[in-house]
Amino acid sequence: MNAEAIIRSIEAEQIKDDLPKIYVGDTIRVGVRIVEGGKERVQPYEGTVIAMRNGGINETITVRRIFQGVGVERVFLLHAPRVASIKVIRRGKARRAKLYYLRDRVGKATRLKQRFDRSL
């Protein structure tokens, strides 16, 4: 058994199979596990997916939201234990793979049209 097969078998155990189908432009709510003191809680982070990278166990999504007038982007490793849950709130209509142009927009200009042909 070579090294690649060993790595693939270890990765296969870690990959989550309960994730919804996520597309760029979707508005999602990510439940992030946070440890405060000795307690652990799940904090929701809701925003628009502006980028998706890599594949398999290394798959990441960049989620952007506006918090107190400031744009905040977070990159989530989809299969990490810190990501407790992902829920798709609405599907957005995007015609490109990366929505970095949303960084330059303010207010209502950041909205994407809703997409109805993909189910939630």
PDB file of N, CA and C in Angstrom:
ATOM      1  N   MET A   1       0.850  -1.190   0.000  1.00  0.00           N
ATOM      2  CA  MET A   1       0.000   0.000   0.000  1.00  0.00           C
ATOM      3  C   MET A   1       0.890   1.246   0.000  1.00  0.00           C
ATOM      4  N   ASN A   2       0.720   2.079  -1.015  1.00  0.00           N
ATOM      5  CA  ASN A   2       1.589   3.255  -1.111  1.00  0.00           C
ATOM      6  C   ASN A   2       1.061   4.402  -0.252  1.00  0.00           C
ATOM      7  N   ALA A   3       1.840   5.468  -0.177  1.00  0.00           N
ATOM      8  CA  ALA A   3       1.525   6.600   0.706  1.00  0.00           C
ATOM      9  C   ALA A   3       0.232   7.306   0.287  1.00  0.00           C
ATOM     10  N   GLU A   4       0.012   7.429  -1.023  1.00  0.00           N
ATOM     11  CA  GLU A   4      -1.199   8.119  -1.492  1.00  0.00           C
ATOM     12  C   GLU A   4      -2.458   7.391  -1.059  1.00  0.00           C
ATOM     13  N   ALA A   5      -2.450   6.076  -1.124  1.00  0.00           N
ATOM     14  CA  ALA A   5      -3.618   5.293  -0.726  1.00  0.00           C
ATOM     15  C   ALA A   5      -3.884   5.431   0.769  1.00  0.00           C
ATOM     16  N   ILE A   6      -2.816   5.495   1.544  1.00  0.00           N
ATOM     17  CA  ILE A   6      -2.966   5.664   2.993  1.00  0.00           C
ATOM     18  C   ILE A   6      -3.576   7.022   3.295  1.00  0.00           C
ATOM     19  N   ILE A   7      -3.072   8.062   2.637  1.00  0.00           N
ATOM     20  CA  ILE A   7      -3.592   9.422   2.841  1.00  0.00           C
ATOM     21  C   ILE A   7      -5.058   9.491   2.436  1.00  0.00           C
ATOM     22  N   ARG A   8      -5.397   8.906   1.280  1.00  0.00           N
ATOM     23  CA  ARG A   8      -6.789   8.919   0.814  1.00  0.00           C
ATOM     24  C   ARG A   8      -7.721   8.210   1.792  1.00  0.00           C
ATOM     25  N   SER A   9      -7.272   7.109   2.368  1.00  0.00           N
ATOM     26  CA  SER A   9      -8.135   6.369   3.303  1.00  0.00           C
ATOM     27  C   SER A   9      -8.360   7.168   4.587  1.00  0.00           C
ATOM     28  N   ILE A  10      -7.336   7.874   5.051  1.00  0.00           N
ATOM     29  CA  ILE A  10      -7.492   8.706   6.249  1.00  0.00           C
ATOM     30  C   ILE A  10      -8.419   9.877   5.944  1.00  0.00           C
ATOM     31  N   GLU A  11      -8.255  10.494   4.777  1.00  0.00           N
ATOM     32  CA  GLU A  11      -9.112  11.618   4.388  1.00  0.00           C
ATOM     33  C   GLU A  11     -10.570  11.182   4.246  1.00  0.00           C
ATOM     34  N   ALA A  12     -10.796   9.990   3.726  1.00  0.00           N
ATOM     35  CA  ALA A  12     -12.166   9.496   3.512  1.00  0.00           C
ATOM     36  C   ALA A  12     -12.930   9.401   4.827  1.00  0.00           C
ATOM     37  N   GLU A  13     -12.232   9.095   5.924  1.00  0.00           N
ATOM     38  CA  GLU A  13     -12.891   9.021   7.224  1.00  0.00           C
ATOM     39  C   GLU A  13     -13.332  10.402   7.708  1.00  0.00           C
ATOM     40  N   GLN A  14     -12.587  11.440   7.336  1.00  0.00           N
ATOM     41  CA  GLN A  14     -12.836  12.788   7.845  1.00  0.00           C
ATOM     42  C   GLN A  14     -13.863  13.568   7.035  1.00  0.00           C
ATOM     43  N   ILE A  15     -14.122  13.166   5.799  1.00  0.00           N
ATOM     44  CA  ILE A  15     -15.016  13.920   4.926  1.00  0.00           C
ATOM     45  C   ILE A  15     -16.464  13.806   5.421  1.00  0.00           C
ATOM     46  N   LYS A  16     -17.138  14.955   5.513  1.00  0.00           N
ATOM     47  CA  LYS A  16     -18.547  14.980   5.920  1.00  0.00           C
ATOM     48  C   LYS A  16     -19.415  14.656   4.711  1.00  0.00           C
ATOM     49  N   ASP A  17     -20.457  13.853   4.933  1.00  0.00           N
ATOM     50  CA  ASP A  17     -21.345  13.492   3.828  1.00  0.00           C
ATOM     51  C   ASP A  17     -22.730  14.122   3.967  1.00  0.00           C
ATOM     52  N   ASP A  18     -22.929  14.930   5.025  1.00  0.00           N
ATOM     53  CA  ASP A  18     -24.244  15.529   5.248  1.00  0.00           C
ATOM     54  C   ASP A  18     -24.308  16.994   4.821  1.00  0.00           C
ATOM     55  N   LEU A  19     -23.331  17.458   4.042  1.00  0.00           N
ATOM     56  CA  LEU A  19     -23.310  18.859   3.610  1.00  0.00           C
ATOM     57  C   LEU A  19     -24.276  19.080   2.450  1.00  0.00           C
ATOM     58  N   PRO A  20     -24.972  20.228   2.431  1.00  0.00           N
ATOM     59  CA  PRO A  20     -25.849  20.526   1.285  1.00  0.00           C
ATOM     60  C   PRO A  20     -25.018  20.933   0.077  1.00  0.00           C
ATOM     61  N   LYS A  21     -25.649  20.929  -1.086  1.00  0.00           N
ATOM     62  CA  LYS A  21     -24.982  21.368  -2.309  1.00  0.00           C
ATOM     63  C   LYS A  21     -24.890  22.891  -2.264  1.00  0.00           C
ATOM     64  N   ILE A  22     -23.682  23.415  -2.284  1.00  0.00           N
ATOM     65  CA  ILE A  22     -23.453  24.855  -2.163  1.00  0.00           C
ATOM     66  C   ILE A  22     -22.908  25.381  -3.483  1.00  0.00           C
ATOM     67  N   TYR A  23     -23.427  26.532  -3.897  1.00  0.00           N
ATOM     68  CA  TYR A  23     -22.957  27.197  -5.103  1.00  0.00           C
ATOM     69  C   TYR A  23     -22.525  28.612  -4.763  1.00  0.00           C
ATOM     70  N   VAL A  24     -21.675  29.199  -5.612  1.00  0.00           N
ATOM     71  CA  VAL A  24     -21.278  30.593  -5.450  1.00  0.00           C
ATOM     72  C   VAL A  24     -22.517  31.462  -5.668  1.00  0.00           C
ATOM     73  N   GLY A  25     -22.731  32.430  -4.791  1.00  0.00           N
ATOM     74  CA  GLY A  25     -23.894  33.300  -4.865  1.00  0.00           C
ATOM     75  C   GLY A  25     -24.960  32.950  -3.852  1.00  0.00           C
ATOM     76  N   ASP A  26     -24.883  31.765  -3.259  1.00  0.00           N
ATOM     77  CA  ASP A  26     -25.874  31.356  -2.265  1.00  0.00           C
ATOM     78  C   ASP A  26     -25.688  32.129  -0.969  1.00  0.00           C
ATOM     79  N   THR A  27     -26.796  32.383  -0.285  1.00  0.00           N
ATOM     80  CA  THR A  27     -26.738  32.924   1.071  1.00  0.00           C
ATOM     81  C   THR A  27     -26.866  31.739   2.015  1.00  0.00           C
ATOM     82  N   ILE A  28     -25.863  31.573   2.871  1.00  0.00           N
ATOM     83  CA  ILE A  28     -25.845  30.405   3.746  1.00  0.00           C
ATOM     84  C   ILE A  28     -25.661  30.831   5.198  1.00  0.00           C
ATOM     85  N   ARG A  29     -26.040  29.930   6.095  1.00  0.00           N
ATOM     86  CA  ARG A  29     -25.807  30.126   7.525  1.00  0.00           C
ATOM     87  C   ARG A  29     -24.887  29.004   7.990  1.00  0.00           C
ATOM     88  N   VAL A  30     -23.698  29.377   8.447  1.00  0.00           N
ATOM     89  CA  VAL A  30     -22.709  28.408   8.910  1.00  0.00           C
ATOM     90  C   VAL A  30     -22.710  28.419  10.435  1.00  0.00           C
ATOM     91  N   GLY A  31     -22.886  27.268  11.036  1.00  0.00           N
ATOM     92  CA  GLY A  31     -22.798  27.145  12.493  1.00  0.00           C
ATOM     93  C   GLY A  31     -21.353  26.871  12.859  1.00  0.00           C
ATOM     94  N   VAL A  32     -20.715  27.809  13.557  1.00  0.00           N
ATOM     95  CA  VAL A  32     -19.295  27.711  13.898  1.00  0.00           C
ATOM     96  C   VAL A  32     -19.166  27.375  15.375  1.00  0.00           C
ATOM     97  N   ARG A  33     -18.422  26.319  15.684  1.00  0.00           N
ATOM     98  CA  ARG A  33     -18.198  25.948  17.079  1.00  0.00           C
ATOM     99  C   ARG A  33     -17.181  26.904  17.696  1.00  0.00           C
ATOM    100  N   ILE A  34     -17.546  27.466  18.859  1.00  0.00           N
ATOM    101  CA  ILE A  34     -16.673  28.403  19.556  1.00  0.00           C
ATOM    102  C   ILE A  34     -16.528  27.920  20.991  1.00  0.00           C
ATOM    103  N   VAL A  35     -15.290  27.882  21.477  1.00  0.00           N
ATOM    104  CA  VAL A  35     -15.025  27.486  22.851  1.00  0.00           C
ATOM    105  C   VAL A  35     -14.765  28.742  23.675  1.00  0.00           C
ATOM    106  N   GLU A  36     -15.601  28.961  24.691  1.00  0.00           N
ATOM    107  CA  GLU A  36     -15.433  30.096  25.600  1.00  0.00           C
ATOM    108  C   GLU A  36     -15.275  29.538  27.001  1.00  0.00           C
ATOM    109  N   GLY A  37     -14.099  29.691  27.536  1.00  0.00           N
ATOM    110  CA  GLY A  37     -13.826  29.084  28.840  1.00  0.00           C
ATOM    111  C   GLY A  37     -13.842  27.577  28.687  1.00  0.00           C
ATOM    112  N   GLY A  38     -14.677  26.920  29.460  1.00  0.00           N
ATOM    113  CA  GLY A  38     -14.798  25.472  29.337  1.00  0.00           C
ATOM    114  C   GLY A  38     -15.996  25.051  28.522  1.00  0.00           C
ATOM    115  N   LYS A  39     -16.812  26.036  28.121  1.00  0.00           N
ATOM    116  CA  LYS A  39     -18.038  25.712  27.403  1.00  0.00           C
ATOM    117  C   LYS A  39     -17.855  25.854  25.904  1.00  0.00           C
ATOM    118  N   GLU A  40     -18.637  25.076  25.178  1.00  0.00           N
ATOM    119  CA  GLU A  40     -18.622  25.149  23.714  1.00  0.00           C
ATOM    120  C   GLU A  40     -20.018  25.518  23.237  1.00  0.00           C
ATOM    121  N   ARG A  41     -20.080  26.450  22.288  1.00  0.00           N
ATOM    122  CA  ARG A  41     -21.369  26.833  21.731  1.00  0.00           C
ATOM    123  C   ARG A  41     -21.235  26.975  20.229  1.00  0.00           C
ATOM    124  N   VAL A  42     -22.380  27.001  19.547  1.00  0.00           N
ATOM    125  CA  VAL A  42     -22.401  27.143  18.094  1.00  0.00           C
ATOM    126  C   VAL A  42     -22.906  28.539  17.758  1.00  0.00           C
ATOM    127  N   GLN A  43     -22.082  29.290  17.048  1.00  0.00           N
ATOM    128  CA  GLN A  43     -22.440  30.659  16.668  1.00  0.00           C
ATOM    129  C   GLN A  43     -22.746  30.695  15.173  1.00  0.00           C
ATOM    130  N   PRO A  44     -23.921  31.222  14.794  1.00  0.00           N
ATOM    131  CA  PRO A  44     -24.242  31.293  13.365  1.00  0.00           C
ATOM    132  C   PRO A  44     -23.495  32.439  12.676  1.00  0.00           C
ATOM    133  N   TYR A  45     -23.060  32.185  11.455  1.00  0.00           N
ATOM    134  CA  TYR A  45     -22.424  33.209  10.622  1.00  0.00           C
ATOM    135  C   TYR A  45     -23.132  33.158   9.281  1.00  0.00           C
ATOM    136  N   GLU A  46     -23.892  34.201   8.965  1.00  0.00           N
ATOM    137  CA  GLU A  46     -24.702  34.199   7.751  1.00  0.00           C
ATOM    138  C   GLU A  46     -24.143  35.193   6.752  1.00  0.00           C
ATOM    139  N   GLY A  47     -24.011  34.762   5.500  1.00  0.00           N
ATOM    140  CA  GLY A  47     -23.510  35.646   4.464  1.00  0.00           C
ATOM    141  C   GLY A  47     -23.597  34.995   3.099  1.00  0.00           C
ATOM    142  N   THR A  48     -23.020  35.676   2.111  1.00  0.00           N
ATOM    143  CA  THR A  48     -23.046  35.220   0.723  1.00  0.00           C
ATOM    144  C   THR A  48     -21.744  34.504   0.381  1.00  0.00           C
ATOM    145  N   VAL A  49     -21.850  33.374  -0.287  1.00  0.00           N
ATOM    146  CA  VAL A  49     -20.662  32.651  -0.739  1.00  0.00           C
ATOM    147  C   VAL A  49     -20.106  33.400  -1.948  1.00  0.00           C
ATOM    148  N   ILE A  50     -18.874  33.920  -1.824  1.00  0.00           N
ATOM    149  CA  ILE A  50     -18.293  34.650  -2.953  1.00  0.00           C
ATOM    150  C   ILE A  50     -17.194  33.850  -3.647  1.00  0.00           C
ATOM    151  N   ALA A  51     -16.728  32.759  -3.031  1.00  0.00           N
ATOM    152  CA  ALA A  51     -15.683  31.953  -3.670  1.00  0.00           C
ATOM    153  C   ALA A  51     -15.690  30.545  -3.099  1.00  0.00           C
ATOM    154  N   MET A  52     -15.329  29.594  -3.962  1.00  0.00           N
ATOM    155  CA  MET A  52     -15.127  28.209  -3.546  1.00  0.00           C
ATOM    156  C   MET A  52     -13.780  27.775  -4.105  1.00  0.00           C
ATOM    157  N   ARG A  53     -13.002  27.047  -3.288  1.00  0.00           N
ATOM    158  CA  ARG A  53     -11.676  26.627  -3.716  1.00  0.00           C
ATOM    159  C   ARG A  53     -11.441  25.161  -3.396  1.00  0.00           C
ATOM    160  N   ASN A  54     -10.529  24.571  -4.132  1.00  0.00           N
ATOM    161  CA  ASN A  54     -10.034  23.219  -3.901  1.00  0.00           C
ATOM    162  C   ASN A  54     -11.141  22.180  -3.990  1.00  0.00           C
ATOM    163  N   GLY A  55     -10.857  20.977  -3.559  1.00  0.00           N
ATOM    164  CA  GLY A  55     -11.824  19.895  -3.614  1.00  0.00           C
ATOM    165  C   GLY A  55     -11.492  18.854  -2.576  1.00  0.00           C
ATOM    166  N   GLY A  56     -12.374  17.907  -2.411  1.00  0.00           N
ATOM    167  CA  GLY A  56     -12.151  16.845  -1.441  1.00  0.00           C
ATOM    168  C   GLY A  56     -12.122  17.385  -0.029  1.00  0.00           C
ATOM    169  N   ILE A  57     -11.167  16.936   0.748  1.00  0.00           N
ATOM    170  CA  ILE A  57     -11.092  17.339   2.152  1.00  0.00           C
ATOM    171  C   ILE A  57     -10.608  18.771   2.309  1.00  0.00           C
ATOM    172  N   ASN A  58      -9.957  19.328   1.285  1.00  0.00           N
ATOM    173  CA  ASN A  58      -9.417  20.689   1.365  1.00  0.00           C
ATOM    174  C   ASN A  58     -10.386  21.746   0.858  1.00  0.00           C
ATOM    175  N   GLU A  59     -11.634  21.386   0.612  1.00  0.00           N
ATOM    176  CA  GLU A  59     -12.589  22.321   0.023  1.00  0.00           C
ATOM    177  C   GLU A  59     -12.899  23.458   0.988  1.00  0.00           C
ATOM    178  N   THR A  60     -12.796  24.690   0.484  1.00  0.00           N
ATOM    179  CA  THR A  60     -13.081  25.858   1.309  1.00  0.00           C
ATOM    180  C   THR A  60     -14.089  26.760   0.608  1.00  0.00           C
ATOM    181  N   ILE A  61     -14.833  27.521   1.414  1.00  0.00           N
ATOM    182  CA  ILE A  61     -15.735  28.534   0.884  1.00  0.00           C
ATOM    183  C   ILE A  61     -15.418  29.852   1.581  1.00  0.00           C
ATOM    184  N   THR A  62     -15.533  30.938   0.836  1.00  0.00           N
ATOM    185  CA  THR A  62     -15.369  32.272   1.405  1.00  0.00           C
ATOM    186  C   THR A  62     -16.756  32.889   1.520  1.00  0.00           C
ATOM    187  N   VAL A  63     -17.127  33.268   2.744  1.00  0.00           N
ATOM    188  CA  VAL A  63     -18.449  33.824   3.014  1.00  0.00           C
ATOM    189  C   VAL A  63     -18.288  35.286   3.414  1.00  0.00           C
ATOM    190  N   ARG A  64     -19.050  36.158   2.758  1.00  0.00           N
ATOM    191  CA  ARG A  64     -18.967  37.595   3.007  1.00  0.00           C
ATOM    192  C   ARG A  64     -20.270  38.108   3.598  1.00  0.00           C
ATOM    193  N   ARG A  65     -20.148  38.951   4.600  1.00  0.00           N
ATOM    194  CA  ARG A  65     -21.314  39.607   5.175  1.00  0.00           C
ATOM    195  C   ARG A  65     -20.923  41.024   5.561  1.00  0.00           C
ATOM    196  N   ILE A  66     -21.930  41.871   5.746  1.00  0.00           N
ATOM    197  CA  ILE A  66     -21.693  43.238   6.182  1.00  0.00           C
ATOM    198  C   ILE A  66     -22.058  43.316   7.658  1.00  0.00           C
ATOM    199  N   PHE A  67     -21.100  43.690   8.492  1.00  0.00           N
ATOM    200  CA  PHE A  67     -21.332  43.794   9.927  1.00  0.00           C
ATOM    201  C   PHE A  67     -21.000  45.206  10.370  1.00  0.00           C
ATOM    202  N   GLN A  68     -22.011  45.933  10.844  1.00  0.00           N
ATOM    203  CA  GLN A  68     -21.878  47.317  11.297  1.00  0.00           C
ATOM    204  C   GLN A  68     -21.221  48.192  10.237  1.00  0.00           C
ATOM    205  N   GLY A  69     -21.651  48.000   8.998  1.00  0.00           N
ATOM    206  CA  GLY A  69     -21.162  48.821   7.899  1.00  0.00           C
ATOM    207  C   GLY A  69     -19.811  48.428   7.349  1.00  0.00           C
ATOM    208  N   VAL A  70     -19.232  47.359   7.855  1.00  0.00           N
ATOM    209  CA  VAL A  70     -17.913  46.909   7.402  1.00  0.00           C
ATOM    210  C   VAL A  70     -18.054  45.509   6.814  1.00  0.00           C
ATOM    211  N   GLY A  71     -17.462  45.281   5.644  1.00  0.00           N
ATOM    212  CA  GLY A  71     -17.496  43.955   5.036  1.00  0.00           C
ATOM    213  C   GLY A  71     -16.560  43.003   5.759  1.00  0.00           C
ATOM    214  N   VAL A  72     -17.082  41.842   6.126  1.00  0.00           N
ATOM    215  CA  VAL A  72     -16.284  40.832   6.820  1.00  0.00           C
ATOM    216  C   VAL A  72     -16.337  39.553   6.001  1.00  0.00           C
ATOM    217  N   GLU A  73     -15.170  39.020   5.675  1.00  0.00           N
ATOM    218  CA  GLU A  73     -15.103  37.761   4.932  1.00  0.00           C
ATOM    219  C   GLU A  73     -14.423  36.716   5.798  1.00  0.00           C
ATOM    220  N   ARG A  74     -15.002  35.529   5.792  1.00  0.00           N
ATOM    221  CA  ARG A  74     -14.394  34.407   6.503  1.00  0.00           C
ATOM    222  C   ARG A  74     -14.268  33.232   5.562  1.00  0.00           C
ATOM    223  N   VAL A  75     -13.169  32.524   5.680  1.00  0.00           N
ATOM    224  CA  VAL A  75     -12.931  31.327   4.880  1.00  0.00           C
ATOM    225  C   VAL A  75     -13.174  30.122   5.779  1.00  0.00           C
ATOM    226  N   PHE A  76     -14.052  29.229   5.336  1.00  0.00           N
ATOM    227  CA  PHE A  76     -14.376  28.039   6.112  1.00  0.00           C
ATOM    228  C   PHE A  76     -13.885  26.801   5.379  1.00  0.00           C
ATOM    229  N   LEU A  77     -13.197  25.949   6.105  1.00  0.00           N
ATOM    230  CA  LEU A  77     -12.826  24.631   5.607  1.00  0.00           C
ATOM    231  C   LEU A  77     -14.044  23.737   5.843  1.00  0.00           C
ATOM    232  N   LEU A  78     -14.708  23.318   4.755  1.00  0.00           N
ATOM    233  CA  LEU A  78     -16.006  22.661   4.865  1.00  0.00           C
ATOM    234  C   LEU A  78     -16.000  21.420   5.754  1.00  0.00           C
ATOM    235  N   HIS A  79     -14.939  20.642   5.688  1.00  0.00           N
ATOM    236  CA  HIS A  79     -14.915  19.364   6.399  1.00  0.00           C
ATOM    237  C   HIS A  79     -14.230  19.455   7.758  1.00  0.00           C
ATOM    238  N   ALA A  80     -13.968  20.681   8.232  1.00  0.00           N
ATOM    239  CA  ALA A  80     -13.318  20.863   9.524  1.00  0.00           C
ATOM    240  C   ALA A  80     -14.303  20.603  10.662  1.00  0.00           C
ATOM    241  N   PRO A  81     -13.827  20.124  11.787  1.00  0.00           N
ATOM    242  CA  PRO A  81     -14.708  19.886  12.934  1.00  0.00           C
ATOM    243  C   PRO A  81     -15.305  21.183  13.488  1.00  0.00           C
ATOM    244  N   ARG A  82     -14.664  22.307  13.253  1.00  0.00           N
ATOM    245  CA  ARG A  82     -15.159  23.588  13.761  1.00  0.00           C
ATOM    246  C   ARG A  82     -16.470  24.000  13.098  1.00  0.00           C
ATOM    247  N   VAL A  83     -16.697  23.550  11.862  1.00  0.00           N
ATOM    248  CA  VAL A  83     -17.948  23.844  11.160  1.00  0.00           C
ATOM    249  C   VAL A  83     -18.983  22.815  11.607  1.00  0.00           C
ATOM    250  N   ALA A  84     -19.945  23.293  12.411  1.00  0.00           N
ATOM    251  CA  ALA A  84     -20.948  22.383  12.975  1.00  0.00           C
ATOM    252  C   ALA A  84     -22.045  22.069  11.969  1.00  0.00           C
ATOM    253  N   SER A  85     -22.516  23.111  11.246  1.00  0.00           N
ATOM    254  CA  SER A  85     -23.615  22.897  10.310  1.00  0.00           C
ATOM    255  C   SER A  85     -23.579  23.960   9.225  1.00  0.00           C
ATOM    256  N   ILE A  86     -24.189  23.638   8.094  1.00  0.00           N
ATOM    257  CA  ILE A  86     -24.339  24.597   7.002  1.00  0.00           C
ATOM    258  C   ILE A  86     -25.762  24.481   6.488  1.00  0.00           C
ATOM    259  N   LYS A  87     -26.446  25.626   6.404  1.00  0.00           N
ATOM    260  CA  LYS A  87     -27.824  25.647   5.893  1.00  0.00           C
ATOM    261  C   LYS A  87     -27.915  26.690   4.807  1.00  0.00           C
ATOM    262  N   VAL A  88     -28.498  26.304   3.666  1.00  0.00           N
ATOM    263  CA  VAL A  88     -28.683  27.238   2.560  1.00  0.00           C
ATOM    264  C   VAL A  88     -29.964  28.022   2.815  1.00  0.00           C
ATOM    265  N   ILE A  89     -29.845  29.353   2.885  1.00  0.00           N
ATOM    266  CA  ILE A  89     -30.997  30.219   3.133  1.00  0.00           C
ATOM    267  C   ILE A  89     -31.695  30.549   1.819  1.00  0.00           C
ATOM    268  N   ARG A  90     -30.910  30.969   0.812  1.00  0.00           N
ATOM    269  CA  ARG A  90     -31.482  31.252  -0.511  1.00  0.00           C
ATOM    270  C   ARG A  90     -30.413  31.051  -1.569  1.00  0.00           C
ATOM    271  N   ARG A  91     -30.865  30.696  -2.756  1.00  0.00           N
ATOM    272  CA  ARG A  91     -29.968  30.487  -3.884  1.00  0.00           C
ATOM    273  C   ARG A  91     -29.813  31.795  -4.646  1.00  0.00           C
ATOM    274  N   GLY A  92     -28.583  32.139  -4.977  1.00  0.00           N
ATOM    275  CA  GLY A  92     -28.331  33.362  -5.725  1.00  0.00           C
ATOM    276  C   GLY A  92     -27.916  33.054  -7.142  1.00  0.00           C
ATOM    277  N   LYS A  93     -28.253  33.961  -8.052  1.00  0.00           N
ATOM    278  CA  LYS A  93     -27.929  33.773  -9.460  1.00  0.00           C
ATOM    279  C   LYS A  93     -26.600  34.460  -9.754  1.00  0.00           C
ATOM    280  N   ALA A  94     -25.571  33.660 -10.012  1.00  0.00           N
ATOM    281  CA  ALA A  94     -24.243  34.190 -10.301  1.00  0.00           C
ATOM    282  C   ALA A  94     -23.776  33.637 -11.637  1.00  0.00           C
ATOM    283  N   ARG A  95     -23.145  34.484 -12.432  1.00  0.00           N
ATOM    284  CA  ARG A  95     -22.686  34.054 -13.749  1.00  0.00           C
ATOM    285  C   ARG A  95     -21.179  33.876 -13.804  1.00  0.00           C
ATOM    286  N   ARG A  96     -20.546  33.932 -12.653  1.00  0.00           N
ATOM    287  CA  ARG A  96     -19.099  33.704 -12.622  1.00  0.00           C
ATOM    288  C   ARG A  96     -18.719  32.923 -11.371  1.00  0.00           C
ATOM    289  N   ALA A  97     -17.501  32.428 -11.357  1.00  0.00           N
ATOM    290  CA  ALA A  97     -17.071  31.528 -10.292  1.00  0.00           C
ATOM    291  C   ALA A  97     -16.654  32.268  -9.028  1.00  0.00           C
ATOM    292  N   LYS A  98     -16.148  33.482  -9.168  1.00  0.00           N
ATOM    293  CA  LYS A  98     -15.711  34.267  -8.015  1.00  0.00           C
ATOM    294  C   LYS A  98     -16.445  35.607  -8.036  1.00  0.00           C
ATOM    295  N   LEU A  99     -17.041  35.973  -6.928  1.00  0.00           N
ATOM    296  CA  LEU A  99     -17.829  37.206  -6.862  1.00  0.00           C
ATOM    297  C   LEU A  99     -17.075  38.307  -6.118  1.00  0.00           C
ATOM    298  N   TYR A 100     -15.799  38.467  -6.437  1.00  0.00           N
ATOM    299  CA  TYR A 100     -14.986  39.465  -5.758  1.00  0.00           C
ATOM    300  C   TYR A 100     -15.455  40.887  -6.055  1.00  0.00           C
ATOM    301  N   TYR A 101     -16.213  41.074  -7.129  1.00  0.00           N
ATOM    302  CA  TYR A 101     -16.698  42.412  -7.466  1.00  0.00           C
ATOM    303  C   TYR A 101     -17.676  42.932  -6.414  1.00  0.00           C
ATOM    304  N   LEU A 102     -18.245  42.036  -5.586  1.00  0.00           N
ATOM    305  CA  LEU A 102     -19.158  42.476  -4.535  1.00  0.00           C
ATOM    306  C   LEU A 102     -18.433  43.288  -3.457  1.00  0.00           C
ATOM    307  N   ARG A 103     -17.109  43.150  -3.378  1.00  0.00           N
ATOM    308  CA  ARG A 103     -16.340  43.907  -2.391  1.00  0.00           C
ATOM    309  C   ARG A 103     -16.412  45.409  -2.650  1.00  0.00           C
ATOM    310  N   ASP A 104     -16.547  45.786  -3.915  1.00  0.00           N
ATOM    311  CA  ASP A 104     -16.568  47.203  -4.270  1.00  0.00           C
ATOM    312  C   ASP A 104     -17.955  47.812  -4.172  1.00  0.00           C
ATOM    313  N   ARG A 105     -18.952  46.996  -3.892  1.00  0.00           N
ATOM    314  CA  ARG A 105     -20.326  47.494  -3.884  1.00  0.00           C
ATOM    315  C   ARG A 105     -20.819  47.725  -2.464  1.00  0.00           C
ATOM    316  N   VAL A 106     -21.762  48.671  -2.350  1.00  0.00           N
ATOM    317  CA  VAL A 106     -22.259  49.070  -1.036  1.00  0.00           C
ATOM    318  C   VAL A 106     -23.784  49.002  -1.042  1.00  0.00           C
ATOM    319  N   GLY A 107     -24.362  48.605   0.068  1.00  0.00           N
ATOM    320  CA  GLY A 107     -25.810  48.658   0.241  1.00  0.00           C
ATOM    321  C   GLY A 107     -26.564  47.687  -0.636  1.00  0.00           C
ATOM    322  N   LYS A 108     -27.623  48.200  -1.278  1.00  0.00           N
ATOM    323  CA  LYS A 108     -28.491  47.335  -2.070  1.00  0.00           C
ATOM    324  C   LYS A 108     -27.814  46.818  -3.337  1.00  0.00           C
ATOM    325  N   ALA A 109     -26.723  47.431  -3.739  1.00  0.00           N
ATOM    326  CA  ALA A 109     -26.009  46.992  -4.938  1.00  0.00           C
ATOM    327  C   ALA A 109     -25.358  45.630  -4.741  1.00  0.00           C
ATOM    328  N   THR A 110     -25.226  45.187  -3.487  1.00  0.00           N
ATOM    329  CA  THR A 110     -24.590  43.895  -3.221  1.00  0.00           C
ATOM    330  C   THR A 110     -25.553  42.726  -3.371  1.00  0.00           C
ATOM    331  N   ARG A 111     -26.857  43.021  -3.569  1.00  0.00           N
ATOM    332  CA  ARG A 111     -27.833  41.936  -3.669  1.00  0.00           C
ATOM    333  C   ARG A 111     -27.698  41.189  -4.990  1.00  0.00           C
ATOM    334  N   LEU A 112     -27.941  39.891  -4.931  1.00  0.00           N
ATOM    335  CA  LEU A 112     -27.967  39.043  -6.123  1.00  0.00           C
ATOM    336  C   LEU A 112     -29.403  38.617  -6.377  1.00  0.00           C
ATOM    337  N   LYS A 113     -29.733  38.407  -7.636  1.00  0.00           N
ATOM    338  CA  LYS A 113     -31.062  37.896  -7.958  1.00  0.00           C
ATOM    339  C   LYS A 113     -31.198  36.483  -7.410  1.00  0.00           C
ATOM    340  N   GLN A 114     -32.419  36.124  -7.045  1.00  0.00           N
ATOM    341  CA  GLN A 114     -32.657  34.790  -6.513  1.00  0.00           C
ATOM    342  C   GLN A 114     -32.778  33.795  -7.652  1.00  0.00           C
ATOM    343  N   ARG A 115     -32.308  32.588  -7.379  1.00  0.00           N
ATOM    344  CA  ARG A 115     -32.354  31.524  -8.371  1.00  0.00           C
ATOM    345  C   ARG A 115     -33.355  30.468  -7.915  1.00  0.00           C
ATOM    346  N   PHE A 116     -34.306  30.155  -8.769  1.00  0.00           N
ATOM    347  CA  PHE A 116     -35.394  29.242  -8.370  1.00  0.00           C
ATOM    348  C   PHE A 116     -35.254  27.849  -8.958  1.00  0.00           C
ATOM    349  N   ASP A 117     -34.345  27.649  -9.913  1.00  0.00           N
ATOM    350  CA  ASP A 117     -34.256  26.337 -10.558  1.00  0.00           C
ATOM    351  C   ASP A 117     -33.480  25.318  -9.733  1.00  0.00           C
ATOM    352  N   ARG A 118     -32.771  25.760  -8.684  1.00  0.00           N
ATOM    353  CA  ARG A 118     -32.090  24.830  -7.791  1.00  0.00           C
ATOM    354  C   ARG A 118     -32.835  24.825  -6.477  1.00  0.00           C
ATOM    355  N   SER A 119     -33.120  23.648  -5.962  1.00  0.00           N
ATOM    356  CA  SER A 119     -33.880  23.562  -4.711  1.00  0.00           C
ATOM    357  C   SER A 119     -32.972  23.844  -3.525  1.00  0.00           C
ATOM    358  N   LEU A 120     -33.574  24.206  -2.404  1.00  0.00           N
ATOM    359  CA  LEU A 120     -32.796  24.507  -1.197  1.00  0.00           C
ATOM    360  C   LEU A 120     -32.316  23.264  -0.502  1.00  0.00           C
TER     361      LEU A 120
END
